Amino acid sequence: MKTILKGGRVIDPAHGRDGDFDVLIEDGTIARIGKNLPVDGADVFEVKRGWIVTPGLVDIHVHLREPGQEHKETVATGAAAAVAGGFTAVACMPNTDPVNDHAGITEFILKKAAEAQRARVYPIGAVSIGSMGEQLAELGEQKTAGCVAFTDDGRPVATALLMRRALEYAGMLGVPIINHCEDPSLKGDGVAHEGYVAAKLGLRGIPGEAESIMVERDITLAELSGAHVHIAHMSARQSLRAVRAGKERGVRVTCEVAPHHFTLTDDLLDGPVKYDTNLKMNPPLRASADRDAMLEGIADGSVDVIATDHAPHHIDEKMVEFDLAPFGIVGLETAVPIVFDRLVHAGRISLTRMVELLSLNPARLLNVPGGTLGEGAPADITILWPDMASTIEAATLVSKSKNTPFDRWHFTGGVVATIVGGRVVYRNAAAV
C-alpha cells in the first residue's frame, strides 16, 4: 500500500524542515520526503496550496471516561473526536470507574482503542491505588501493560512523601509523573477563581496560590529525586514563575497549558449568560493577568505543550446550579482553530512553534512514537489549513458530549485531514 501527499508546505521541526515537499507513505510509515517525487502507482492525496503537512498532533491530557462513564464519552467516540480535531494520538487520564490503577484496566483501554481504529490511545496510570493518595500503585506493572506516565489527575498526589516515592519509582522506569497541582485546603469548596467576579456573583473562590504552592512542592521534589515532573493544565501566573525558576536550576520540569486558559478569563462568568456551567473548569478560568502570563509563557518557550484537558460531561450534568455542576469542557475539536486564531494569526507564535507545542514536544515528553516526519517514522500526519474559516458548533461535535464555551465562536484555521498509520481516518468535508 502506497500513498503520496503531493504538494503543500511540510513543517517538521525535528528535522528543521519547512518547505514544499511531497511525502511518500508505504506500509504505514514515512518512506521518503522530497520534491517532485514520482507517483509510481501510489494513491495520490492532492495537498492544495496554502495547506500545511505536519507530524500528527498529540494530546497528552484527555479524559475518555471508559470504563464506567460511557454516557459522557467512550474510547471510540473520544478517538473519533481526536482525529476530527487533527490529533493522531491521545493520552488518557486514569480517573475512570474503576480507576486505571492496574494492568487489567490499561489492557481494556488499549483493546477498545484497537477496535476503534482511529487515534492512537496511550493510557496514563494512577499514582496511587484508587487515586486515593494512600498507597502507591504498582507502577512497574502498569508500565509493562502500556502506561506511558502516571497521575492521580483530578486529585493532587496527596502528600509530599507519596509524591517523592512516585517520582523516584517513575524515574527508574523512565516516565514522568504528571500532577494536578492544587492544595485542597486552599481550594476548599471553591468553584471559580478567587477575585472580583467570584465575589460579585457569590461564588466560592480558588486562589492562584492553591495551584502554585503545589507546583513549588513538586518542582522541589523533582529536584530532590532527579526525576521528571510535568505540571498539568497550568493556569496561574505564580505557577509559571515557579516553572521558570525550576528550569533555570536544571530541574526536570515541564508544563502544559490548555486553550481555554490562554483564551478565556473569569470575566465571562458575569457575561451575557451568567453562571454558565460550560465556563466551569478546574483549574478555573482566571484573571486577565494570568491569561496574559500563559500567553507569554507559550511565546517565550517556558510552556512545553498545549494540551486540551478534554473533559466531556453529559448535558444533564451541566444543566444544574453552578456550584453543583462538574468541572470541565470538551477540547479535542476546538483546539486547532483556537491555536491558529489566538496564537499564530495574532503573531504570538510561528507555525513551527505551533507544531512543537502540539506534536513534537508532547511525543518527546511521553516518549511515544510520533512528532516527526522522518523517514521510517509512523505515517501519523495532520494536514492543516491556516486560513480556513471555522465556526464551532456544539451540536455537530463528534464527541459524545457537547460541553463547550466556544459554541458559535468564529475562528480562522482548521483541520483538513488526519492520517494514522498511513490511513486517512478523517477528512473535513468543508476543506475543498
Protein backbone atom coordinates (compact mmCIF):
# COMPACT_ATOMS: atom_id res chain seq x y z
CA MET A 1 0.00 0.00 0.00
CA LYS A 2 1.48 3.32 -1.12
CA THR A 3 0.12 6.84 -0.78
CA ILE A 4 1.79 10.07 -1.80
CA LEU A 5 0.92 13.51 -0.48
CA LYS A 6 1.60 15.81 -3.42
CA GLY A 7 2.28 19.47 -2.78
CA GLY A 8 1.76 21.52 0.34
CA ARG A 9 4.12 23.02 2.86
CA VAL A 10 5.76 20.45 5.11
CA ILE A 11 6.72 21.67 8.61
CA ASP A 12 8.79 19.21 10.66
CA PRO A 13 10.74 20.93 13.46
CA ALA A 14 12.52 17.71 14.46
CA HIS A 15 14.40 17.80 11.15
CA GLY A 16 14.43 21.56 10.62
CA ARG A 17 12.22 21.12 7.57
CA ASP A 18 9.92 23.89 6.34
CA GLY A 19 9.15 23.97 2.64
CA ASP A 20 7.24 22.48 -0.26
CA PHE A 21 7.72 18.71 -0.37
CA ASP A 22 5.95 15.51 -1.34
CA VAL A 23 5.54 12.78 1.28
CA LEU A 24 5.57 9.12 0.26
CA ILE A 25 3.90 6.63 2.61
CA GLU A 26 4.49 2.90 2.31
CA ASP A 27 3.04 0.23 4.60
CA GLY A 28 2.09 2.73 7.28
CA THR A 29 5.45 4.50 7.55
CA ILE A 30 7.12 7.54 6.01
CA ALA A 31 9.17 6.15 3.13
CA ARG A 32 10.52 9.32 1.58
CA ILE A 33 10.20 13.10 1.61
CA GLY A 34 11.37 15.13 -1.35
CA LYS A 35 10.46 17.45 -4.17
CA ASN A 36 8.55 16.17 -7.21
CA LEU A 37 8.55 12.54 -6.12
CA PRO A 38 7.29 10.09 -8.78
CA VAL A 39 3.78 8.76 -8.22
CA ASP A 40 4.84 5.27 -9.32
CA GLY A 41 1.44 3.66 -8.76
CA ALA A 42 0.76 5.25 -5.38
CA ASP A 43 -2.62 6.67 -4.39
CA VAL A 44 -2.35 10.45 -4.67
CA PHE A 45 -3.59 12.83 -1.98
CA GLU A 46 -3.53 16.31 -3.50
CA VAL A 47 -2.43 18.84 -0.88
CA LYS A 48 -3.62 22.25 -2.01
CA ARG A 49 -1.54 25.38 -1.92
CA GLY A 50 -1.85 27.01 1.47
CA TRP A 51 -2.35 23.73 3.30
CA ILE A 52 0.29 22.53 5.76
CA VAL A 53 1.52 18.97 6.29
CA THR A 54 2.73 18.36 9.85
CA PRO A 55 3.57 15.41 12.08
CA GLY A 56 0.38 14.10 13.69
CA LEU A 57 -0.79 16.17 16.63
CA VAL A 58 -0.53 14.55 20.08
CA ASP A 59 -2.77 15.48 23.03
CA ILE A 60 -1.28 14.33 26.32
CA HIS A 61 -4.28 15.21 28.52
CA VAL A 62 -7.71 13.81 27.67
CA HIS A 63 -10.48 12.06 29.57
CA LEU A 64 -12.06 9.21 27.61
CA ARG A 65 -14.36 8.20 30.53
CA GLU A 66 -14.44 4.48 29.67
CA PRO A 67 -14.76 2.28 31.67
CA GLY A 68 -17.59 3.40 33.89
CA GLN A 69 -18.82 6.70 32.46
CA GLU A 70 -19.75 5.77 28.93
CA HIS A 71 -22.70 8.19 28.95
CA LYS A 72 -20.12 11.01 28.71
CA GLU A 73 -17.60 9.52 26.28
CA THR A 74 -16.15 6.19 25.20
CA VAL A 75 -12.72 5.30 23.94
CA ALA A 76 -14.23 5.00 20.45
CA THR A 77 -16.08 8.33 20.46
CA GLY A 78 -13.13 10.10 22.07
CA ALA A 79 -10.73 8.68 19.48
CA ALA A 80 -13.10 9.78 16.72
CA ALA A 81 -13.27 13.29 18.20
CA ALA A 82 -9.48 13.30 18.38
CA VAL A 83 -8.95 12.66 14.67
CA ALA A 84 -11.67 15.19 13.82
CA GLY A 85 -9.57 17.67 15.78
CA GLY A 86 -6.35 16.71 13.99
CA PHE A 87 -4.92 14.56 16.79
CA THR A 88 -3.39 11.26 15.71
CA ALA A 89 -2.68 10.23 19.31
CA VAL A 90 -4.06 10.99 22.76
CA ALA A 91 -3.01 10.07 26.28
CA CYS A 92 -5.97 9.34 28.54
CA MET A 93 -6.22 10.07 32.24
CA PRO A 94 -6.88 7.28 34.77
CA ASN A 95 -9.89 8.77 36.59
CA THR A 96 -12.27 6.21 35.12
CA ASP A 97 -14.58 3.97 37.16
CA PRO A 98 -12.84 1.83 38.25
CA VAL A 99 -9.66 3.89 38.30
CA ASN A 100 -6.93 2.77 35.92
CA ASP A 101 -4.57 1.70 38.69
CA HIS A 102 -3.69 -1.80 37.43
CA ALA A 103 -2.86 -3.68 34.25
CA GLY A 104 -6.36 -5.01 33.64
CA ILE A 105 -7.87 -1.55 33.07
CA THR A 106 -4.93 -0.47 30.91
CA GLU A 107 -5.33 -3.55 28.71
CA PHE A 108 -9.08 -2.92 28.43
CA ILE A 109 -8.50 0.65 27.20
CA LEU A 110 -5.90 -0.48 24.67
CA LYS A 111 -8.28 -3.17 23.37
CA LYS A 112 -11.07 -0.61 22.91
CA ALA A 113 -8.68 1.74 21.12
CA ALA A 114 -7.55 -1.01 18.74
CA GLU A 115 -11.18 -1.80 17.93
CA ALA A 116 -11.95 1.88 17.24
CA GLN A 117 -9.16 2.21 14.64
CA ARG A 118 -8.97 5.97 14.89
CA ALA A 119 -6.42 7.85 17.02
CA ARG A 120 -3.70 6.01 18.89
CA VAL A 121 -4.50 5.88 22.60
CA TYR A 122 -1.84 5.88 25.31
CA PRO A 123 -3.16 5.14 28.81
CA ILE A 124 -1.81 7.03 31.80
CA GLY A 125 -1.90 5.06 35.04
CA ALA A 126 -2.80 6.16 38.55
CA VAL A 127 -0.05 7.07 41.01
CA SER A 128 -1.94 5.64 43.96
CA ILE A 129 -4.42 2.82 44.37
CA GLY A 130 -7.85 4.19 43.52
CA SER A 131 -6.19 7.62 43.23
CA MET A 132 -6.88 7.89 46.96
CA GLY A 133 -3.41 9.18 47.81
CA GLU A 134 -2.69 6.49 50.38
CA GLN A 135 -0.76 3.62 48.79
CA LEU A 136 1.46 3.69 45.73
CA ALA A 137 0.02 1.70 42.82
CA GLU A 138 2.04 -0.95 41.00
CA LEU A 139 3.71 1.47 38.63
CA GLY A 140 6.00 -1.12 37.08
CA GLU A 141 3.11 -3.43 36.27
CA GLN A 142 1.17 -0.57 34.72
CA LYS A 143 4.11 0.49 32.56
CA THR A 144 4.56 -3.07 31.33
CA ALA A 145 0.87 -3.13 30.39
CA GLY A 146 1.24 0.03 28.32
CA CYS A 147 1.02 3.12 30.56
CA VAL A 148 3.24 5.99 29.42
CA ALA A 149 3.05 8.17 32.57
CA PHE A 150 1.38 8.31 35.98
CA THR A 151 -1.00 10.77 37.63
CA ASP A 152 -3.84 10.97 40.12
CA ASP A 153 -5.39 13.57 37.82
CA GLY A 154 -8.48 15.19 39.22
CA ARG A 155 -6.75 14.93 42.58
CA PRO A 156 -3.27 16.12 43.54
CA VAL A 157 -0.84 13.49 44.79
CA ALA A 158 -1.82 13.74 48.42
CA THR A 159 1.43 14.05 50.38
CA ALA A 160 4.98 15.16 49.73
CA LEU A 161 6.24 11.72 50.80
CA LEU A 162 4.00 9.88 48.35
CA MET A 163 5.00 12.29 45.58
CA ARG A 164 8.67 11.76 46.37
CA ARG A 165 8.30 7.97 46.23
CA ALA A 166 6.29 8.18 43.00
CA LEU A 167 8.95 10.37 41.38
CA GLU A 168 11.72 8.04 42.47
CA TYR A 169 9.91 4.97 41.15
CA ALA A 170 8.82 6.63 37.90
CA GLY A 171 12.34 7.96 37.43
CA MET A 172 13.67 4.40 37.45
CA LEU A 173 11.02 3.44 34.89
CA GLY A 174 11.91 6.41 32.69
CA VAL A 175 8.46 8.02 32.66
CA PRO A 176 7.11 11.28 34.08
CA ILE A 177 4.77 11.93 36.96
CA ILE A 178 2.01 14.32 35.92
CA ASN A 179 0.32 16.21 38.72
CA HIS A 180 -2.94 18.10 39.01
CA CYS A 181 -1.46 20.82 41.20
CA GLU A 182 -3.85 22.02 43.85
CA ASP A 183 -3.68 22.49 47.60
CA PRO A 184 -7.02 21.01 48.78
CA SER A 185 -7.05 23.09 51.93
CA LEU A 186 -6.80 26.33 49.93
CA LYS A 187 -9.20 25.21 47.23
CA GLY A 188 -11.82 24.09 49.74
CA ASP A 189 -15.26 24.14 48.11
CA GLY A 190 -14.19 26.75 45.58
CA VAL A 191 -15.77 26.74 42.12
CA ALA A 192 -14.29 29.84 40.44
CA HIS A 193 -11.17 32.00 40.52
CA GLU A 194 -10.88 33.99 43.74
CA GLY A 195 -11.34 37.61 42.78
CA TYR A 196 -13.79 40.38 41.98
CA VAL A 197 -16.03 38.34 39.68
CA ALA A 198 -16.47 35.45 42.12
CA ALA A 199 -17.20 37.86 44.94
CA LYS A 200 -19.75 39.74 42.83
CA LEU A 201 -21.53 36.52 41.83
CA GLY A 202 -21.41 34.96 45.29
CA LEU A 203 -19.20 32.04 44.19
CA ARG A 204 -16.60 30.45 46.44
CA GLY A 205 -13.13 31.29 45.18
CA ILE A 206 -9.97 29.31 44.38
CA PRO A 207 -6.83 31.48 44.57
CA GLY A 208 -3.99 31.04 42.10
CA GLU A 209 -1.78 30.19 45.06
CA ALA A 210 -3.77 26.96 45.58
CA GLU A 211 -2.12 25.82 42.35
CA SER A 212 1.30 27.42 42.65
CA ILE A 213 2.04 26.13 46.16
CA MET A 214 1.69 22.57 44.88
CA VAL A 215 3.75 23.41 41.78
CA GLU A 216 6.54 24.65 44.05
CA ARG A 217 6.35 21.45 46.09
CA ASP A 218 6.55 19.20 43.07
CA ILE A 219 9.44 21.08 41.47
CA THR A 220 11.35 20.85 44.76
CA LEU A 221 10.73 17.10 44.93
CA ALA A 222 11.71 16.64 41.29
CA GLU A 223 14.95 18.43 42.10
CA LEU A 224 15.48 16.15 45.09
CA SER A 225 14.81 12.95 43.16
CA GLY A 226 16.23 13.92 39.79
CA ALA A 227 13.03 12.64 38.18
CA HIS A 228 10.72 14.27 35.63
CA VAL A 229 7.61 16.08 36.86
CA HIS A 230 5.05 17.50 34.47
CA ILE A 231 2.63 20.22 35.57
CA ALA A 232 -0.84 19.61 34.13
CA HIS A 233 -3.19 22.38 32.88
CA MET A 234 -1.21 25.29 34.35
CA SER A 235 -3.34 28.40 34.81
CA ALA A 236 -1.77 30.77 37.37
CA ARG A 237 0.98 33.30 36.77
CA GLN A 238 2.61 32.28 40.05
CA SER A 239 2.92 28.71 38.73
CA LEU A 240 4.68 29.93 35.60
CA ARG A 241 7.21 31.79 37.73
CA ALA A 242 7.90 28.59 39.65
CA VAL A 243 8.35 26.57 36.45
CA ARG A 244 10.74 29.12 35.01
CA ALA A 245 12.79 29.15 38.20
CA GLY A 246 12.92 25.35 38.24
CA LYS A 247 14.08 25.17 34.64
CA GLU A 248 16.78 27.75 35.34
CA ARG A 249 18.09 25.48 38.12
CA GLY A 250 18.13 22.49 35.78
CA VAL A 251 15.15 20.70 37.32
CA ARG A 252 13.40 18.21 35.02
CA VAL A 253 10.09 20.07 34.98
CA THR A 254 7.75 20.52 32.02
CA CYS A 255 4.30 22.06 31.82
CA GLU A 256 1.20 22.33 29.65
CA VAL A 257 -1.46 24.99 29.14
CA ALA A 258 -4.97 24.36 27.80
CA PRO A 259 -6.53 26.58 25.11
CA HIS A 260 -9.23 27.86 27.44
CA HIS A 261 -6.62 29.12 29.89
CA PHE A 262 -4.82 31.25 27.29
CA THR A 263 -8.07 32.42 25.67
CA LEU A 264 -10.75 32.99 28.33
CA THR A 265 -10.92 34.84 31.66
CA ASP A 266 -13.25 34.74 34.65
CA ASP A 267 -14.98 37.95 33.43
CA LEU A 268 -17.12 35.73 31.19
CA LEU A 269 -18.88 34.31 34.26
CA ASP A 270 -20.52 37.71 34.55
CA GLY A 271 -21.21 37.91 30.82
CA PRO A 272 -24.44 37.62 28.83
CA VAL A 273 -25.09 34.12 30.21
CA LYS A 274 -24.33 34.41 33.90
CA TYR A 275 -23.26 31.28 35.78
CA ASP A 276 -22.73 29.37 32.51
CA THR A 277 -21.55 25.94 33.70
CA ASN A 278 -19.63 25.49 30.44
CA LEU A 279 -17.25 28.05 31.93
CA LYS A 280 -16.65 25.90 34.99
CA MET A 281 -13.35 24.04 34.92
CA ASN A 282 -10.59 23.08 37.31
CA PRO A 283 -8.28 24.91 37.50
CA PRO A 284 -10.75 27.73 36.95
CA LEU A 285 -10.67 30.48 34.38
CA ARG A 286 -8.51 33.13 35.96
CA ALA A 287 -7.91 36.88 35.72
CA SER A 288 -6.54 38.59 32.61
CA ALA A 289 -3.08 38.84 34.23
CA ASP A 290 -2.95 35.05 34.49
CA ARG A 291 -4.25 34.59 30.93
CA ASP A 292 -1.61 37.02 29.65
CA ALA A 293 1.12 35.18 31.58
CA MET A 294 0.14 31.91 29.89
CA LEU A 295 0.38 33.64 26.50
CA GLU A 296 3.84 34.96 27.39
CA GLY A 297 4.98 31.52 28.54
CA ILE A 298 3.80 29.95 25.30
CA ALA A 299 5.58 32.60 23.25
CA ASP A 300 8.91 32.57 25.10
CA GLY A 301 9.27 28.78 25.35
CA SER A 302 8.57 28.39 29.07
CA VAL A 303 5.47 26.32 28.24
CA ASP A 304 6.31 22.97 26.67
CA VAL A 305 2.94 21.68 25.48
CA ILE A 306 -0.57 22.76 24.58
CA ALA A 307 -2.99 20.07 25.82
CA THR A 308 -6.77 20.20 25.74
CA ASP A 309 -7.79 18.67 29.09
CA HIS A 310 -10.74 17.26 27.10
CA ALA A 311 -13.33 16.62 29.84
CA PRO A 312 -16.70 15.53 28.43
CA HIS A 313 -19.85 15.69 30.57
CA HIS A 314 -23.45 14.85 29.68
CA ILE A 315 -25.72 17.85 29.17
CA ASP A 316 -27.90 16.86 32.15
CA GLU A 317 -24.87 17.02 34.44
CA LYS A 318 -24.08 20.56 33.33
CA MET A 319 -27.72 21.77 33.42
CA VAL A 320 -27.68 22.38 37.17
CA GLU A 321 -26.66 25.13 39.58
CA PHE A 322 -23.09 26.35 39.08
CA ASP A 323 -21.96 25.01 42.46
CA LEU A 324 -23.24 21.52 41.65
CA ALA A 325 -22.04 21.17 38.06
CA PRO A 326 -18.93 19.09 37.32
CA PHE A 327 -15.70 20.78 36.27
CA GLY A 328 -14.52 20.54 32.68
CA ILE A 329 -15.16 21.12 28.99
CA VAL A 330 -14.51 19.24 25.75
CA GLY A 331 -11.49 20.41 23.77
CA LEU A 332 -10.27 17.94 21.17
CA GLU A 333 -12.20 19.50 18.28
CA THR A 334 -11.75 23.15 19.25
CA ALA A 335 -8.00 23.30 19.95
CA VAL A 336 -6.61 23.75 16.43
CA PRO A 337 -8.88 26.67 15.43
CA ILE A 338 -8.16 28.42 18.74
CA VAL A 339 -4.39 27.95 18.46
CA PHE A 340 -4.35 29.23 14.88
CA ASP A 341 -6.61 32.20 15.62
CA ARG A 342 -5.32 33.35 19.01
CA LEU A 343 -1.64 32.41 18.73
CA VAL A 344 -0.46 32.07 15.12
CA HIS A 345 -2.60 34.71 13.39
CA ALA A 346 -2.20 37.01 16.39
CA GLY A 347 1.55 36.93 15.78
CA ARG A 348 2.41 35.35 19.12
CA ILE A 349 3.98 32.15 17.77
CA SER A 350 5.21 30.80 14.44
CA LEU A 351 3.80 27.78 12.66
CA THR A 352 6.94 25.87 13.62
CA ARG A 353 6.37 26.68 17.28
CA MET A 354 2.75 25.55 16.92
CA VAL A 355 3.92 22.15 15.66
CA GLU A 356 6.40 21.91 18.53
CA LEU A 357 3.68 22.61 21.10
CA LEU A 358 1.08 20.26 19.60
CA SER A 359 3.21 17.44 18.19
CA LEU A 360 6.97 17.27 18.71
CA ASN A 361 7.12 18.22 22.39
CA PRO A 362 4.15 16.07 23.52
CA ALA A 363 5.58 12.99 21.78
CA ARG A 364 9.01 13.55 23.29
CA LEU A 365 7.61 14.27 26.74
CA LEU A 366 5.82 10.90 26.86
CA ASN A 367 8.50 9.13 24.80
CA VAL A 368 5.90 7.81 22.34
CA PRO A 369 6.20 7.44 18.55
CA GLY A 370 5.37 10.49 16.51
CA GLY A 371 6.18 14.17 16.48
CA THR A 372 8.31 13.81 13.36
CA LEU A 373 8.05 13.11 9.64
CA GLY A 374 11.44 11.44 9.42
CA GLU A 375 11.87 8.53 7.06
CA GLY A 376 10.90 5.30 8.80
CA ALA A 377 8.64 7.08 11.31
CA PRO A 378 4.97 6.09 11.63
CA ALA A 379 2.87 7.80 8.97
CA ASP A 380 0.87 9.80 11.50
CA ILE A 381 0.19 13.07 9.72
CA THR A 382 -2.08 16.08 10.17
CA ILE A 383 -2.97 18.36 7.28
CA LEU A 384 -3.93 21.86 8.38
CA TRP A 385 -5.39 24.91 6.64
CA PRO A 386 -4.34 28.13 8.42
CA ASP A 387 -6.83 30.31 6.53
CA MET A 388 -9.85 28.04 6.84
CA ALA A 389 -12.96 29.73 8.26
CA SER A 390 -14.04 27.70 11.30
CA THR A 391 -17.18 28.05 13.36
CA ILE A 392 -17.52 25.88 16.44
CA GLU A 393 -20.96 24.26 16.52
CA ALA A 394 -21.51 22.33 19.74
CA ALA A 395 -24.34 20.28 18.28
CA THR A 396 -22.17 18.95 15.46
CA LEU A 397 -19.15 17.94 17.54
CA VAL A 398 -18.10 14.31 17.08
CA SER A 399 -17.54 13.93 20.81
CA LYS A 400 -20.39 12.26 22.69
CA SER A 401 -20.63 15.33 24.94
CA LYS A 402 -21.08 18.92 23.77
CA ASN A 403 -19.98 20.95 26.80
CA THR A 404 -18.00 23.79 25.26
CA PRO A 405 -18.00 27.53 25.99
CA PHE A 406 -16.97 28.18 22.36
CA ASP A 407 -20.33 27.33 20.77
CA ARG A 408 -20.91 29.59 17.74
CA TRP A 409 -17.48 31.24 18.09
CA HIS A 410 -15.72 32.03 14.81
CA PHE A 411 -12.03 31.32 14.25
CA THR A 412 -9.59 31.25 11.35
CA GLY A 413 -7.74 27.96 10.89
CA GLY A 414 -8.74 24.32 10.90
CA VAL A 415 -8.05 20.68 10.10
CA VAL A 416 -8.17 19.31 6.55
CA ALA A 417 -7.35 15.65 7.20
CA THR A 418 -5.86 13.25 9.74
CA ILE A 419 -3.77 10.24 8.77
CA VAL A 420 -2.91 7.48 11.25
CA GLY A 421 -0.54 4.70 10.23
CA GLY A 422 -0.91 5.71 6.59
CA ARG A 423 -4.73 5.54 6.66
CA VAL A 424 -6.86 8.64 6.16
CA VAL A 425 -9.10 8.38 9.23
CA TYR A 426 -10.66 11.83 8.95
CA ARG A 427 -11.25 14.26 6.11
CA ASN A 428 -13.01 17.58 6.57
CA ALA A 429 -15.85 17.95 4.07
CA ALA A 430 -15.52 21.73 4.35
CA ALA A 431 -11.95 21.63 3.04
CA VAL A 432 -12.44 21.53 -0.71
